[in-house]
């Protein structure tokens, strides 16, 4: 595939994903309004944040309790954390929650809901129709938050588009990969990146 073909595929990818990206941009989650009282940390606008995400406040509170390893209490619109936590730490954990329980793993739309199918909890996307078992995203190190042109990465193909191109979501990027099948795990070389969309070619397939 030559450079011109990659540019055409990249343009198509951006068109396919533009609606979901616009939805994400319209979702404006307020910054945590954090104060310290004694040994406790209080998020004064906790319920407002939960409402914007359309998620059960108790679910978010349980996630933060597990991540911080300390008790939390919902009081009115506030969340009380039983030790001192910085605003940056709280913002990082809320982002981690959103990556795990809010944004679609394929199109990254926030228009999702948590469903229980049998014994498994899945993230169901109303925008693209994808359904995936929920996986908790770990805090990423600085060198694990992006991808670069000319480098190789191992990705899982979660969908095949109408033109036969495979699609994967990795480190916040929607990656289009020609010549693959849904469910394959492949090592790819990133050829082109524009915004959060990338075009790649297969270098190796998982045996």
C-alpha atoms as a PDB file:
ATOM      1  CA  UNK A   1       0.000   0.000   0.000  1.00  0.00           C
ATOM      2  CA  UNK A   2       1.564   3.306  -1.097  1.00  0.00           C
ATOM      3  CA  UNK A   3       1.438   6.691   0.668  1.00  0.00           C
ATOM      4  CA  UNK A   4      -1.553   7.871  -1.377  1.00  0.00           C
ATOM      5  CA  UNK A   5      -3.571   4.815  -0.352  1.00  0.00           C
ATOM      6  CA  UNK A   6      -2.691   5.386   3.301  1.00  0.00           C
ATOM      7  CA  UNK A   7      -3.869   9.004   3.064  1.00  0.00           C
ATOM      8  CA  UNK A   8      -7.188   7.884   1.547  1.00  0.00           C
ATOM      9  CA  UNK A   9      -7.719   5.309   4.295  1.00  0.00           C
ATOM     10  CA  UNK A  10      -6.762   7.824   6.986  1.00  0.00           C
ATOM     11  CA  UNK A  11      -9.298  10.306   5.600  1.00  0.00           C
ATOM     12  CA  UNK A  12     -11.985   7.616   5.626  1.00  0.00           C
ATOM     13  CA  UNK A  13     -11.085   6.676   9.197  1.00  0.00           C
ATOM     14  CA  UNK A  14     -11.459  10.279  10.334  1.00  0.00           C
ATOM     15  CA  UNK A  15     -14.870  10.542   8.667  1.00  0.00           C
ATOM     16  CA  UNK A  16     -16.062   7.312  10.288  1.00  0.00           C
ATOM     17  CA  UNK A  17     -14.927   8.405  13.737  1.00  0.00           C
ATOM     18  CA  UNK A  18     -15.815  12.102  13.578  1.00  0.00           C
ATOM     19  CA  UNK A  19     -19.262  11.699  15.130  1.00  0.00           C
ATOM     20  CA  UNK A  20     -17.921   9.766  18.114  1.00  0.00           C
ATOM     21  CA  UNK A  21     -15.067  12.224  18.594  1.00  0.00           C
ATOM     22  CA  UNK A  22     -17.532  15.131  18.562  1.00  0.00           C
ATOM     23  CA  UNK A  23     -19.610  13.372  21.225  1.00  0.00           C
ATOM     24  CA  UNK A  24     -16.502  12.995  23.367  1.00  0.00           C
ATOM     25  CA  UNK A  25     -15.610  16.654  22.962  1.00  0.00           C
ATOM     26  CA  UNK A  26     -19.126  17.684  23.984  1.00  0.00           C
ATOM     27  CA  UNK A  27     -18.795  15.711  27.214  1.00  0.00           C
ATOM     28  CA  UNK A  28     -17.350  18.324  29.562  1.00  0.00           C
ATOM     29  CA  UNK A  29     -16.660  16.727  32.933  1.00  0.00           C
ATOM     30  CA  UNK A  30     -16.041  19.422  35.574  1.00  0.00           C
ATOM     31  CA  UNK A  31     -12.732  19.385  37.407  1.00  0.00           C
ATOM     32  CA  UNK A  32     -13.013  17.935  40.918  1.00  0.00           C
ATOM     33  CA  UNK A  33     -13.683  20.703  43.441  1.00  0.00           C
ATOM     34  CA  UNK A  34     -11.366  19.446  46.181  1.00  0.00           C
ATOM     35  CA  UNK A  35     -10.848  20.767  49.701  1.00  0.00           C
ATOM     36  CA  UNK A  36      -9.012  19.397  52.742  1.00  0.00           C
ATOM     37  CA  UNK A  37     -10.692  19.231  56.137  1.00  0.00           C
ATOM     38  CA  UNK A  38      -8.438  17.850  58.844  1.00  0.00           C
ATOM     39  CA  UNK A  39      -7.197  14.464  57.648  1.00  0.00           C
ATOM     40  CA  UNK A  40     -10.047  14.090  55.136  1.00  0.00           C
ATOM     41  CA  UNK A  41     -10.341  15.088  51.477  1.00  0.00           C
ATOM     42  CA  UNK A  42     -13.698  16.253  50.149  1.00  0.00           C
ATOM     43  CA  UNK A  43     -14.832  16.353  46.507  1.00  0.00           C
ATOM     44  CA  UNK A  44     -17.566  18.975  46.767  1.00  0.00           C
ATOM     45  CA  UNK A  45     -18.997  18.435  43.261  1.00  0.00           C
ATOM     46  CA  UNK A  46     -18.831  14.629  43.250  1.00  0.00           C
ATOM     47  CA  UNK A  47     -22.511  14.084  42.388  1.00  0.00           C
ATOM     48  CA  UNK A  48     -22.290  16.635  39.573  1.00  0.00           C
ATOM     49  CA  UNK A  49     -19.382  14.664  38.086  1.00  0.00           C
ATOM     50  CA  UNK A  50     -21.310  11.390  38.377  1.00  0.00           C
ATOM     51  CA  UNK A  51     -24.386  12.963  36.756  1.00  0.00           C
ATOM     52  CA  UNK A  52     -22.321  14.239  33.810  1.00  0.00           C
ATOM     53  CA  UNK A  53     -20.954  10.729  33.274  1.00  0.00           C
ATOM     54  CA  UNK A  54     -24.427   9.193  33.713  1.00  0.00           C
ATOM     55  CA  UNK A  55     -22.998   6.689  36.164  1.00  0.00           C
ATOM     56  CA  UNK A  56     -24.138   5.536  39.614  1.00  0.00           C
ATOM     57  CA  UNK A  57     -22.258   7.638  42.228  1.00  0.00           C
ATOM     58  CA  UNK A  58     -21.939   4.534  44.412  1.00  0.00           C
ATOM     59  CA  UNK A  59     -20.131   2.727  41.595  1.00  0.00           C
ATOM     60  CA  UNK A  60     -17.634   5.562  41.159  1.00  0.00           C
ATOM     61  CA  UNK A  61     -17.173   5.843  44.933  1.00  0.00           C
ATOM     62  CA  UNK A  62     -16.451   2.104  45.204  1.00  0.00           C
ATOM     63  CA  UNK A  63     -13.878   2.408  42.414  1.00  0.00           C
ATOM     64  CA  UNK A  64     -12.114   5.297  44.169  1.00  0.00           C
ATOM     65  CA  UNK A  65     -12.220   3.454  47.499  1.00  0.00           C
ATOM     66  CA  UNK A  66     -10.537   0.430  45.894  1.00  0.00           C
ATOM     67  CA  UNK A  67      -7.932   2.509  44.047  1.00  0.00           C
ATOM     68  CA  UNK A  68      -7.004   4.684  47.036  1.00  0.00           C
ATOM     69  CA  UNK A  69      -7.297   1.815  49.536  1.00  0.00           C
ATOM     70  CA  UNK A  70      -9.248   3.926  52.043  1.00  0.00           C
ATOM     71  CA  UNK A  71     -12.854   4.369  53.106  1.00  0.00           C
ATOM     72  CA  UNK A  72     -15.098   6.910  51.381  1.00  0.00           C
ATOM     73  CA  UNK A  73     -18.537   8.305  52.200  1.00  0.00           C
ATOM     74  CA  UNK A  74     -21.124  10.032  50.008  1.00  0.00           C
ATOM     75  CA  UNK A  75     -22.672  12.977  51.873  1.00  0.00           C
ATOM     76  CA  UNK A  76     -25.173  15.010  49.879  1.00  0.00           C
ATOM     77  CA  UNK A  77     -23.341  16.135  46.733  1.00  0.00           C
ATOM     78  CA  UNK A  78     -19.950  15.511  48.296  1.00  0.00           C
ATOM     79  CA  UNK A  79     -17.603  12.552  48.519  1.00  0.00           C
ATOM     80  CA  UNK A  80     -15.508  12.335  51.666  1.00  0.00           C
ATOM     81  CA  UNK A  81     -12.224  10.424  51.429  1.00  0.00           C
ATOM     82  CA  UNK A  82     -10.738   9.458  54.765  1.00  0.00           C
ATOM     83  CA  UNK A  83      -7.205  10.744  54.113  1.00  0.00           C
ATOM     84  CA  UNK A  84      -5.462  13.554  52.293  1.00  0.00           C
ATOM     85  CA  UNK A  85      -5.451  13.091  48.505  1.00  0.00           C
ATOM     86  CA  UNK A  86      -4.299  15.721  46.013  1.00  0.00           C
ATOM     87  CA  UNK A  87      -6.617  17.122  43.352  1.00  0.00           C
ATOM     88  CA  UNK A  88      -4.250  15.782  40.669  1.00  0.00           C
ATOM     89  CA  UNK A  89      -4.465  12.268  42.094  1.00  0.00           C
ATOM     90  CA  UNK A  90      -8.262  12.450  42.127  1.00  0.00           C
ATOM     91  CA  UNK A  91      -8.395  13.761  38.551  1.00  0.00           C
ATOM     92  CA  UNK A  92      -6.109  10.929  37.419  1.00  0.00           C
ATOM     93  CA  UNK A  93      -8.342   8.290  39.031  1.00  0.00           C
ATOM     94  CA  UNK A  94     -11.503   9.817  37.554  1.00  0.00           C
ATOM     95  CA  UNK A  95      -9.874   9.678  34.115  1.00  0.00           C
ATOM     96  CA  UNK A  96      -8.942   6.064  34.784  1.00  0.00           C
ATOM     97  CA  UNK A  97     -12.573   5.343  35.695  1.00  0.00           C
ATOM     98  CA  UNK A  98     -13.802   6.981  32.495  1.00  0.00           C
ATOM     99  CA  UNK A  99     -11.371   4.983  30.359  1.00  0.00           C
ATOM    100  CA  UNK A 100     -12.536   1.780  32.048  1.00  0.00           C
ATOM    101  CA  UNK A 101     -16.269   2.325  32.531  1.00  0.00           C
ATOM    102  CA  UNK A 102     -17.385   5.187  30.276  1.00  0.00           C
ATOM    103  CA  UNK A 103     -15.642   5.539  26.907  1.00  0.00           C
ATOM    104  CA  UNK A 104     -16.361   2.880  24.280  1.00  0.00           C
ATOM    105  CA  UNK A 105     -13.283   0.729  23.714  1.00  0.00           C
ATOM    106  CA  UNK A 106     -13.810   0.926  19.940  1.00  0.00           C
ATOM    107  CA  UNK A 107     -15.161   4.350  18.934  1.00  0.00           C
ATOM    108  CA  UNK A 108     -14.386   6.125  22.244  1.00  0.00           C
ATOM    109  CA  UNK A 109     -17.894   7.551  22.482  1.00  0.00           C
ATOM    110  CA  UNK A 110     -19.140   8.344  26.017  1.00  0.00           C
ATOM    111  CA  UNK A 111     -22.667   7.245  25.013  1.00  0.00           C
ATOM    112  CA  UNK A 112     -22.405   3.883  26.776  1.00  0.00           C
ATOM    113  CA  UNK A 113     -24.019   1.901  29.539  1.00  0.00           C
ATOM    114  CA  UNK A 114     -22.900  -0.884  31.837  1.00  0.00           C
ATOM    115  CA  UNK A 115     -24.866  -4.101  31.338  1.00  0.00           C
ATOM    116  CA  UNK A 116     -24.710  -7.503  33.012  1.00  0.00           C
ATOM    117  CA  UNK A 117     -24.851 -10.449  30.627  1.00  0.00           C
ATOM    118  CA  UNK A 118     -24.873 -13.678  32.587  1.00  0.00           C
ATOM    119  CA  UNK A 119     -22.097 -13.251  35.119  1.00  0.00           C
ATOM    120  CA  UNK A 120     -20.152 -10.768  33.017  1.00  0.00           C
ATOM    121  CA  UNK A 121     -20.383  -6.976  33.083  1.00  0.00           C
ATOM    122  CA  UNK A 122     -20.004  -5.436  29.646  1.00  0.00           C
ATOM    123  CA  UNK A 123     -19.660  -1.892  28.328  1.00  0.00           C
ATOM    124  CA  UNK A 124     -22.347  -1.449  25.652  1.00  0.00           C
ATOM    125  CA  UNK A 125     -21.971   1.452  23.212  1.00  0.00           C
ATOM    126  CA  UNK A 126     -25.104   3.138  21.868  1.00  0.00           C
ATOM    127  CA  UNK A 127     -23.088   4.922  19.169  1.00  0.00           C
ATOM    128  CA  UNK A 128     -21.398   2.020  17.363  1.00  0.00           C
ATOM    129  CA  UNK A 129     -23.143  -0.989  18.940  1.00  0.00           C
ATOM    130  CA  UNK A 130     -19.962  -2.552  20.336  1.00  0.00           C
ATOM    131  CA  UNK A 131     -20.155  -4.705  23.465  1.00  0.00           C
ATOM    132  CA  UNK A 132     -17.027  -5.698  25.386  1.00  0.00           C
ATOM    133  CA  UNK A 133     -16.375  -7.176  28.834  1.00  0.00           C
ATOM    134  CA  UNK A 134     -15.296  -4.355  31.106  1.00  0.00           C
ATOM    135  CA  UNK A 135     -11.562  -4.183  31.677  1.00  0.00           C
ATOM    136  CA  UNK A 136     -10.136  -1.841  34.295  1.00  0.00           C
ATOM    137  CA  UNK A 137      -7.477   0.353  32.733  1.00  0.00           C
ATOM    138  CA  UNK A 138      -4.382   0.704  34.897  1.00  0.00           C
ATOM    139  CA  UNK A 139      -2.625   3.981  35.423  1.00  0.00           C
ATOM    140  CA  UNK A 140      -0.390   4.346  32.384  1.00  0.00           C
ATOM    141  CA  UNK A 141       3.250   5.289  32.651  1.00  0.00           C
ATOM    142  CA  UNK A 142       4.381   8.299  30.618  1.00  0.00           C
ATOM    143  CA  UNK A 143       5.797   6.059  27.875  1.00  0.00           C
ATOM    144  CA  UNK A 144       2.541   4.092  27.582  1.00  0.00           C
ATOM    145  CA  UNK A 145       0.091   6.873  26.811  1.00  0.00           C
ATOM    146  CA  UNK A 146       0.660   7.401  23.111  1.00  0.00           C
ATOM    147  CA  UNK A 147       1.809   5.812  19.858  1.00  0.00           C
ATOM    148  CA  UNK A 148       4.338   7.041  17.304  1.00  0.00           C
ATOM    149  CA  UNK A 149       4.756   6.750  13.550  1.00  0.00           C
ATOM    150  CA  UNK A 150       7.385   4.186  12.596  1.00  0.00           C
ATOM    151  CA  UNK A 151       6.995   2.122  15.774  1.00  0.00           C
ATOM    152  CA  UNK A 152       5.429  -1.310  16.237  1.00  0.00           C
ATOM    153  CA  UNK A 153       2.648  -2.248  18.665  1.00  0.00           C
ATOM    154  CA  UNK A 154       0.610  -5.366  19.365  1.00  0.00           C
ATOM    155  CA  UNK A 155      -3.140  -4.738  19.068  1.00  0.00           C
ATOM    156  CA  UNK A 156      -6.380  -6.724  19.034  1.00  0.00           C
ATOM    157  CA  UNK A 157      -8.694  -6.286  16.049  1.00  0.00           C
ATOM    158  CA  UNK A 158     -12.136  -5.719  17.548  1.00  0.00           C
ATOM    159  CA  UNK A 159     -14.098  -4.799  14.440  1.00  0.00           C
ATOM    160  CA  UNK A 160     -13.989  -4.922  10.631  1.00  0.00           C
ATOM    161  CA  UNK A 161     -15.299  -1.944   8.666  1.00  0.00           C
ATOM    162  CA  UNK A 162     -17.519  -1.946   5.599  1.00  0.00           C
ATOM    163  CA  UNK A 163     -14.486  -1.804   3.307  1.00  0.00           C
ATOM    164  CA  UNK A 164     -12.800  -4.737   5.028  1.00  0.00           C
ATOM    165  CA  UNK A 165     -10.307  -2.762   7.107  1.00  0.00           C
ATOM    166  CA  UNK A 166      -9.696  -4.000  10.631  1.00  0.00           C
ATOM    167  CA  UNK A 167     -10.061  -1.642  13.556  1.00  0.00           C
ATOM    168  CA  UNK A 168      -8.374  -1.603  16.938  1.00  0.00           C
ATOM    169  CA  UNK A 169      -8.424   0.835  19.849  1.00  0.00           C
ATOM    170  CA  UNK A 170      -5.089   1.231  21.603  1.00  0.00           C
ATOM    171  CA  UNK A 171      -3.705   3.886  23.975  1.00  0.00           C
ATOM    172  CA  UNK A 172      -6.487   6.292  23.061  1.00  0.00           C
ATOM    173  CA  UNK A 173      -5.993   5.859  19.296  1.00  0.00           C
ATOM    174  CA  UNK A 174      -8.350   4.364  16.733  1.00  0.00           C
ATOM    175  CA  UNK A 175      -6.115   2.234  14.504  1.00  0.00           C
ATOM    176  CA  UNK A 176      -7.152   1.076  11.015  1.00  0.00           C
ATOM    177  CA  UNK A 177      -5.368  -2.069   9.801  1.00  0.00           C
ATOM    178  CA  UNK A 178      -5.961  -3.461   6.268  1.00  0.00           C
ATOM    179  CA  UNK A 179      -5.957  -7.213   5.668  1.00  0.00           C
ATOM    180  CA  UNK A 180      -6.938  -8.552   9.089  1.00  0.00           C
ATOM    181  CA  UNK A 181      -9.887 -10.363  10.638  1.00  0.00           C
ATOM    182  CA  UNK A 182     -11.972  -9.563  13.703  1.00  0.00           C
ATOM    183  CA  UNK A 183     -10.522 -11.208  16.810  1.00  0.00           C
ATOM    184  CA  UNK A 184      -6.946 -11.376  15.503  1.00  0.00           C
ATOM    185  CA  UNK A 185      -4.053 -10.150  17.638  1.00  0.00           C
ATOM    186  CA  UNK A 186      -1.391  -8.663  15.385  1.00  0.00           C
ATOM    187  CA  UNK A 187       1.838  -6.698  15.590  1.00  0.00           C
ATOM    188  CA  UNK A 188       1.465  -3.579  13.472  1.00  0.00           C
ATOM    189  CA  UNK A 189       3.697  -0.798  12.199  1.00  0.00           C
ATOM    190  CA  UNK A 190       2.185   2.677  12.509  1.00  0.00           C
ATOM    191  CA  UNK A 191       2.379   4.420   9.117  1.00  0.00           C
ATOM    192  CA  UNK A 192       0.329   7.581   9.548  1.00  0.00           C
ATOM    193  CA  UNK A 193      -1.199   9.426  12.531  1.00  0.00           C
ATOM    194  CA  UNK A 194      -3.633  12.300  12.476  1.00  0.00           C
ATOM    195  CA  UNK A 195      -5.274  13.498  15.701  1.00  0.00           C
ATOM    196  CA  UNK A 196      -6.325  10.272  17.468  1.00  0.00           C
ATOM    197  CA  UNK A 197      -6.594   8.186  14.286  1.00  0.00           C
ATOM    198  CA  UNK A 198      -3.822   6.007  12.850  1.00  0.00           C
ATOM    199  CA  UNK A 199      -3.234   3.771   9.855  1.00  0.00           C
ATOM    200  CA  UNK A 200      -1.017   0.721  10.299  1.00  0.00           C
ATOM    201  CA  UNK A 201       0.230  -2.321   8.412  1.00  0.00           C
ATOM    202  CA  UNK A 202       0.615  -5.858   9.734  1.00  0.00           C
ATOM    203  CA  UNK A 203       4.122  -6.997  10.620  1.00  0.00           C
ATOM    204  CA  UNK A 204       3.349 -10.251  12.441  1.00  0.00           C
ATOM    205  CA  UNK A 205       0.356 -12.326  13.546  1.00  0.00           C
ATOM    206  CA  UNK A 206      -0.103 -14.112  16.845  1.00  0.00           C
ATOM    207  CA  UNK A 207       0.192 -17.857  16.367  1.00  0.00           C
END
